[in-house]
Amino acid sequence: MSLDFSYRHLYYFWVVGKEGGVTRAADRLGMAVQTVSTQVRELERTLGQTLLRPEGRGLALTEAGHVAMRQAEQIFALGEQLPSLLREAVSEPSVRLAVGISDGVPKLVVRSLLQPVLDQPRLRLLCHEGEFDDLLADLALHRLDGVLSDRPAAPSPTLKVHSHPLGSSELAWYAPPALAAAARRGFPQSLSKVPVLLPTTHATARGLLDQWFERQGVRPNTVGEFEDSALLKTFGVGGMGVFPAVSLVHDDLIKTYGARFVGVCEGVEERFFAIAAQRKVQHPLVQRLLEG
């Protein structure tokens, strides 16, 4: 951490920037105008940049001031969180598990995949959704304890991670009530007539579905493609089109969301993996997840 400038001076500048003038900032701080002005000039001298310029009856941020203000906002926002974080840390010990969820993993499946660790007393679970490569980078930097994905990590001499299969689930087709009868009639050739929703090509399932369409001789009537599986499900059950989903979430789709089963996507399975960094001492909950 750099100690070349005073964080107290930065705080005075931040207040001046928020208030739009030294006089109002001094009133807020309960200090003399001259004192606040001197502290801000000292910050400018230390940084070698002019941060504020006169504008009307007040002050405005310069380009350098805008940059400094953005940084100050982050610094003091974090500072405001500190008391509550400390209270939480000492009040009741918790077991923290930070898991990355690859955006290709169906959201309704995530709870099932994490089931082996959900009975941990005082569990504090942090789930971060993101793109596969970004999550692997965070895993390598120990920002995450593990990653759930629909594909294994590719072998890499620099990225020391292991991919552990958690299981698989057959894909099936589901429809909103208004489209169910038409989708079932002559399935799977019916998918060239009824509106169809698909995952985008970023998901492993999309390639498997494209191969299945080719084997069936079906050109799907695609009306929507979704990067996020939760959005795909939402628009599907909302009436936009027939959509694929893993049979693992069949009961949720039927009972909770009112979808109708159309047919099995025969021969197509989506696989799921837990990816962990290579460590001498593995997080105990990650170990339990891998063994589960």
Protein backbone atom coordinates (compact mmCIF):
# COMPACT_ATOMS: atom_id res chain seq x y z
CA MET A 1 0.00 0.00 0.00
CA SER A 2 1.34 3.43 -0.95
CA LEU A 3 1.85 5.88 1.89
CA ASP A 4 3.04 8.68 -0.40
CA PHE A 5 -0.12 10.67 0.34
CA SER A 6 -2.42 11.06 3.31
CA TYR A 7 -5.75 9.24 3.27
CA ARG A 8 -7.03 12.01 5.54
CA HIS A 9 -6.31 14.53 2.78
CA LEU A 10 -8.05 12.23 0.29
CA TYR A 11 -11.09 12.13 2.56
CA TYR A 12 -11.28 15.94 2.73
CA PHE A 13 -11.04 16.10 -1.07
CA TRP A 14 -13.79 13.48 -1.34
CA VAL A 15 -16.11 15.53 0.87
CA VAL A 16 -15.33 18.71 -1.09
CA GLY A 17 -16.11 16.87 -4.33
CA LYS A 18 -19.38 15.53 -2.94
CA GLU A 19 -20.44 18.92 -1.57
CA GLY A 20 -19.31 20.91 -4.60
CA GLY A 21 -17.39 23.49 -2.61
CA VAL A 22 -14.99 24.03 0.28
CA THR A 23 -17.42 26.03 2.43
CA ARG A 24 -20.12 23.36 2.37
CA ALA A 25 -17.50 20.66 2.95
CA ALA A 26 -16.11 22.57 5.95
CA ASP A 27 -19.63 22.83 7.41
CA ARG A 28 -20.12 19.09 7.00
CA LEU A 29 -16.74 18.30 8.54
CA GLY A 30 -17.07 20.88 11.32
CA MET A 31 -13.76 22.45 10.35
CA ALA A 32 -12.47 25.84 9.25
CA VAL A 33 -12.66 26.60 5.53
CA GLN A 34 -8.96 27.44 5.44
CA THR A 35 -8.03 24.09 7.02
CA VAL A 36 -10.01 22.08 4.47
CA SER A 37 -8.64 24.13 1.58
CA THR A 38 -5.07 23.63 2.80
CA GLN A 39 -5.55 19.86 3.13
CA VAL A 40 -6.89 19.57 -0.42
CA ARG A 41 -4.02 21.65 -1.84
CA GLU A 42 -1.60 19.39 0.02
CA LEU A 43 -3.18 16.35 -1.68
CA GLU A 44 -2.84 18.04 -5.08
CA ARG A 45 0.79 18.86 -4.34
CA THR A 46 1.54 15.27 -3.35
CA LEU A 47 -0.19 13.81 -6.43
CA GLY A 48 1.17 16.46 -8.77
CA GLN A 49 -2.26 17.08 -10.27
CA THR A 50 -4.95 19.75 -10.05
CA LEU A 51 -8.09 18.02 -8.84
CA LEU A 52 -10.53 20.93 -8.52
CA ARG A 53 -11.23 24.04 -10.57
CA PRO A 54 -13.50 27.04 -9.97
CA GLU A 55 -16.95 26.83 -11.54
CA GLY A 56 -19.56 29.45 -10.78
CA ARG A 57 -19.77 29.90 -7.03
CA GLY A 58 -18.36 26.47 -6.31
CA LEU A 59 -15.77 23.98 -7.47
CA ALA A 60 -15.83 21.31 -10.17
CA LEU A 61 -13.68 18.24 -10.69
CA THR A 62 -10.94 18.29 -13.30
CA GLU A 63 -10.24 15.17 -15.39
CA ALA A 64 -7.69 14.10 -12.82
CA GLY A 65 -10.22 14.95 -10.11
CA HIS A 66 -12.79 12.60 -11.64
CA VAL A 67 -10.27 9.74 -11.56
CA ALA A 68 -9.34 10.52 -7.95
CA MET A 69 -13.00 10.78 -7.00
CA ARG A 70 -13.82 7.36 -8.41
CA GLN A 71 -10.98 5.80 -6.44
CA ALA A 72 -11.98 7.66 -3.29
CA GLU A 73 -15.57 6.44 -3.68
CA GLN A 74 -14.37 2.83 -3.70
CA ILE A 75 -11.97 3.33 -0.79
CA PHE A 76 -14.47 4.97 1.52
CA ALA A 77 -17.33 2.67 0.48
CA LEU A 78 -15.16 -0.25 1.61
CA GLY A 79 -14.34 1.63 4.79
CA GLU A 80 -18.03 2.04 5.58
CA GLN A 81 -18.50 -1.73 5.33
CA LEU A 82 -15.69 -2.48 7.79
CA PRO A 83 -17.64 -2.15 11.10
CA SER A 84 -20.44 -4.49 9.99
CA LEU A 85 -17.97 -7.00 8.56
CA LEU A 86 -16.04 -7.06 11.83
CA ARG A 87 -19.24 -7.44 13.86
CA GLU A 88 -20.27 -10.34 11.66
CA ALA A 89 -16.84 -11.96 11.93
CA VAL A 90 -16.74 -11.96 15.72
CA SER A 91 -20.42 -12.54 16.47
CA GLU A 92 -20.81 -16.00 14.96
CA PRO A 93 -18.04 -17.99 13.25
CA SER A 94 -19.05 -19.22 9.80
CA VAL A 95 -17.61 -21.54 7.19
CA ARG A 96 -17.10 -19.57 3.98
CA LEU A 97 -17.28 -21.28 0.58
CA ALA A 98 -16.84 -19.21 -2.59
CA VAL A 99 -17.99 -21.05 -5.70
CA GLY A 100 -17.88 -19.90 -9.30
CA ILE A 101 -20.86 -20.94 -11.44
CA SER A 102 -20.07 -21.13 -15.14
CA ASP A 103 -22.78 -19.40 -17.16
CA GLY A 104 -23.35 -22.61 -19.12
CA VAL A 105 -24.62 -24.50 -16.06
CA PRO A 106 -28.44 -24.52 -15.73
CA LYS A 107 -29.32 -22.50 -12.65
CA LEU A 108 -31.91 -25.01 -11.44
CA VAL A 109 -29.15 -27.66 -11.33
CA VAL A 110 -26.76 -25.69 -9.12
CA ARG A 111 -28.51 -26.49 -5.86
CA SER A 112 -28.44 -30.21 -6.64
CA LEU A 113 -24.73 -30.06 -7.43
CA LEU A 114 -24.03 -28.24 -4.14
CA GLN A 115 -26.27 -30.52 -2.08
CA PRO A 116 -23.34 -32.40 -0.42
CA VAL A 117 -22.21 -29.22 1.39
CA LEU A 118 -25.51 -27.49 2.15
CA ASP A 119 -25.94 -29.20 5.50
CA GLN A 120 -22.73 -27.63 6.84
CA PRO A 121 -23.56 -25.72 10.06
CA ARG A 122 -23.10 -21.93 9.78
CA LEU A 123 -22.28 -22.21 6.09
CA ARG A 124 -21.70 -18.90 4.32
CA LEU A 125 -22.04 -19.68 0.62
CA LEU A 126 -20.91 -17.14 -1.98
CA CYS A 127 -21.89 -17.95 -5.57
CA HIS A 128 -20.31 -15.95 -8.39
CA GLU A 129 -21.61 -16.42 -11.93
CA GLY A 130 -19.34 -15.68 -14.87
CA GLU A 131 -17.67 -16.85 -18.03
CA PHE A 132 -15.72 -20.09 -17.81
CA ASP A 133 -12.24 -18.67 -18.49
CA ASP A 134 -12.72 -15.76 -16.08
CA LEU A 135 -13.77 -18.13 -13.30
CA LEU A 136 -10.74 -20.34 -13.87
CA ALA A 137 -8.50 -17.29 -13.57
CA ASP A 138 -10.16 -16.37 -10.25
CA LEU A 139 -9.72 -19.96 -9.09
CA ALA A 140 -6.01 -19.87 -9.90
CA LEU A 141 -5.69 -16.62 -7.93
CA HIS A 142 -7.50 -18.26 -4.96
CA ARG A 143 -10.41 -15.82 -5.19
CA LEU A 144 -12.66 -18.86 -5.53
CA ASP A 145 -12.57 -22.19 -3.73
CA GLY A 146 -14.06 -24.10 -6.65
CA VAL A 147 -15.90 -23.81 -9.97
CA LEU A 148 -19.00 -25.65 -11.22
CA SER A 149 -19.05 -26.06 -14.98
CA ASP A 150 -20.57 -27.95 -17.89
CA ARG A 151 -17.10 -28.80 -19.22
CA PRO A 152 -13.72 -29.83 -17.81
CA ALA A 153 -10.80 -27.41 -17.78
CA ALA A 154 -8.43 -27.90 -20.71
CA PRO A 155 -4.94 -29.19 -19.79
CA SER A 156 -2.57 -26.28 -19.20
CA PRO A 157 1.07 -26.15 -18.02
CA THR A 158 0.38 -22.86 -16.20
CA LEU A 159 -3.11 -23.44 -14.76
CA LYS A 160 -2.84 -26.04 -12.00
CA VAL A 161 -6.44 -27.22 -11.66
CA HIS A 162 -8.25 -30.55 -11.58
CA SER A 163 -11.66 -31.33 -13.09
CA HIS A 164 -13.84 -33.82 -11.24
CA PRO A 165 -17.01 -35.22 -12.87
CA LEU A 166 -20.10 -34.73 -10.70
CA GLY A 167 -22.54 -36.57 -12.93
CA SER A 168 -24.70 -36.09 -15.98
CA SER A 169 -28.34 -35.64 -16.93
CA GLU A 170 -30.23 -36.41 -20.11
CA LEU A 171 -31.67 -33.46 -22.02
CA ALA A 172 -35.40 -33.28 -22.72
CA TRP A 173 -37.77 -30.83 -24.36
CA TYR A 174 -40.40 -28.79 -22.52
CA ALA A 175 -43.11 -26.39 -23.66
CA PRO A 176 -45.46 -23.76 -22.25
CA PRO A 177 -49.04 -25.11 -22.07
CA ALA A 178 -50.17 -23.30 -25.23
CA LEU A 179 -47.49 -24.98 -27.36
CA ALA A 180 -47.39 -28.42 -25.75
CA ALA A 181 -49.89 -30.20 -28.04
CA ALA A 182 -48.31 -28.90 -31.24
CA ALA A 183 -44.82 -29.75 -29.98
CA ARG A 184 -45.78 -33.34 -29.10
CA ARG A 185 -47.47 -33.92 -32.45
CA GLY A 186 -44.85 -35.60 -34.62
CA PHE A 187 -41.99 -34.90 -32.21
CA PRO A 188 -39.10 -34.31 -32.89
CA GLN A 189 -39.94 -33.16 -36.46
CA SER A 190 -42.44 -30.77 -34.85
CA LEU A 191 -39.49 -28.64 -33.69
CA SER A 192 -39.15 -27.34 -37.24
CA LYS A 193 -42.66 -25.86 -36.95
CA VAL A 194 -43.15 -24.66 -33.36
CA PRO A 195 -41.03 -21.78 -32.02
CA VAL A 196 -37.84 -23.09 -30.37
CA LEU A 197 -35.51 -21.50 -27.82
CA LEU A 198 -31.86 -22.59 -27.59
CA PRO A 199 -28.76 -21.83 -25.55
CA THR A 200 -26.08 -19.84 -27.38
CA THR A 201 -22.96 -21.55 -28.68
CA HIS A 202 -21.03 -20.68 -25.49
CA ALA A 203 -22.81 -23.59 -23.76
CA THR A 204 -21.58 -27.14 -24.28
CA ALA A 205 -25.20 -28.25 -24.63
CA ARG A 206 -25.65 -26.20 -27.80
CA GLY A 207 -23.12 -28.25 -29.75
CA LEU A 208 -24.77 -31.48 -28.57
CA LEU A 209 -28.20 -30.18 -29.59
CA ASP A 210 -26.98 -29.13 -33.04
CA GLN A 211 -25.61 -32.65 -33.60
CA TRP A 212 -28.90 -34.14 -32.42
CA PHE A 213 -30.89 -31.94 -34.85
CA GLU A 214 -28.64 -33.10 -37.67
CA ARG A 215 -29.14 -36.77 -36.78
CA GLN A 216 -32.91 -36.27 -36.62
CA GLY A 217 -32.99 -34.34 -39.89
CA VAL A 218 -34.66 -31.40 -38.15
CA ARG A 219 -34.07 -27.71 -38.89
CA PRO A 220 -35.37 -26.05 -35.72
CA ASN A 221 -37.59 -22.98 -35.92
CA THR A 222 -35.30 -20.98 -33.64
CA VAL A 223 -36.87 -17.77 -32.37
CA GLY A 224 -34.50 -17.04 -29.48
CA GLU A 225 -31.01 -17.85 -28.20
CA PHE A 226 -29.98 -17.20 -24.61
CA GLU A 227 -26.59 -17.09 -22.96
CA ASP A 228 -28.16 -17.40 -19.53
CA SER A 229 -30.01 -20.65 -18.83
CA ALA A 230 -32.35 -18.98 -16.33
CA LEU A 231 -33.46 -16.50 -19.00
CA LEU A 232 -34.02 -19.33 -21.46
CA LYS A 233 -36.27 -21.10 -18.95
CA THR A 234 -38.09 -17.85 -18.06
CA PHE A 235 -38.94 -17.01 -21.66
CA GLY A 236 -39.81 -20.64 -22.38
CA VAL A 237 -42.33 -21.10 -19.58
CA GLY A 238 -43.56 -17.57 -20.31
CA GLY A 239 -44.84 -18.76 -23.70
CA MET A 240 -42.15 -17.76 -26.19
CA GLY A 241 -41.17 -21.24 -27.30
CA VAL A 242 -40.29 -24.88 -26.71
CA PHE A 243 -36.98 -25.26 -24.88
CA PRO A 244 -34.45 -27.92 -23.80
CA ALA A 245 -33.56 -28.63 -20.18
CA VAL A 246 -31.82 -31.39 -18.24
CA SER A 247 -34.21 -34.03 -16.90
CA LEU A 248 -32.64 -33.47 -13.47
CA VAL A 249 -34.93 -30.43 -13.10
CA HIS A 250 -38.03 -32.12 -14.57
CA ASP A 251 -40.09 -31.89 -11.37
CA ASP A 252 -39.27 -28.20 -10.86
CA LEU A 253 -40.25 -27.32 -14.42
CA ILE A 254 -43.55 -29.24 -14.24
CA LYS A 255 -44.71 -28.52 -10.68
CA THR A 256 -43.23 -25.08 -10.00
CA TYR A 257 -43.18 -23.42 -13.42
CA GLY A 258 -46.10 -25.15 -15.14
CA ALA A 259 -44.12 -26.38 -18.15
CA ARG A 260 -45.26 -29.43 -20.12
CA PHE A 261 -43.00 -32.36 -21.00
CA VAL A 262 -42.64 -32.85 -24.76
CA GLY A 263 -40.08 -35.59 -25.30
CA VAL A 264 -36.62 -36.91 -24.58
CA CYS A 265 -33.60 -35.64 -26.48
CA GLU A 266 -32.40 -39.19 -26.96
CA GLY A 267 -28.66 -39.80 -26.77
CA VAL A 268 -27.85 -36.29 -25.50
CA GLU A 269 -26.53 -35.84 -21.96
CA GLU A 270 -25.16 -32.74 -20.28
CA ARG A 271 -22.20 -33.40 -17.97
CA PHE A 272 -21.24 -31.41 -14.90
CA PHE A 273 -17.84 -30.87 -13.30
CA ALA A 274 -16.35 -29.43 -10.14
CA ILE A 275 -13.00 -27.77 -10.80
CA ALA A 276 -10.56 -27.21 -7.97
CA ALA A 277 -7.09 -25.71 -7.78
CA GLN A 278 -4.19 -27.96 -7.01
CA ARG A 279 -3.38 -27.32 -3.35
CA LYS A 280 -1.55 -29.17 -0.60
CA VAL A 281 -4.49 -28.55 1.73
CA GLN A 282 -7.88 -28.52 0.00
CA HIS A 283 -10.87 -26.61 1.38
CA PRO A 284 -12.79 -29.26 3.38
CA LEU A 285 -16.12 -28.38 1.75
CA VAL A 286 -14.58 -28.54 -1.73
CA GLN A 287 -13.23 -31.97 -0.79
CA ARG A 288 -16.69 -33.02 0.34
CA LEU A 289 -18.17 -31.71 -2.91
CA LEU A 290 -15.68 -33.71 -4.97
CA GLU A 291 -16.31 -36.87 -2.99
CA GLY A 292 -20.07 -36.35 -3.14
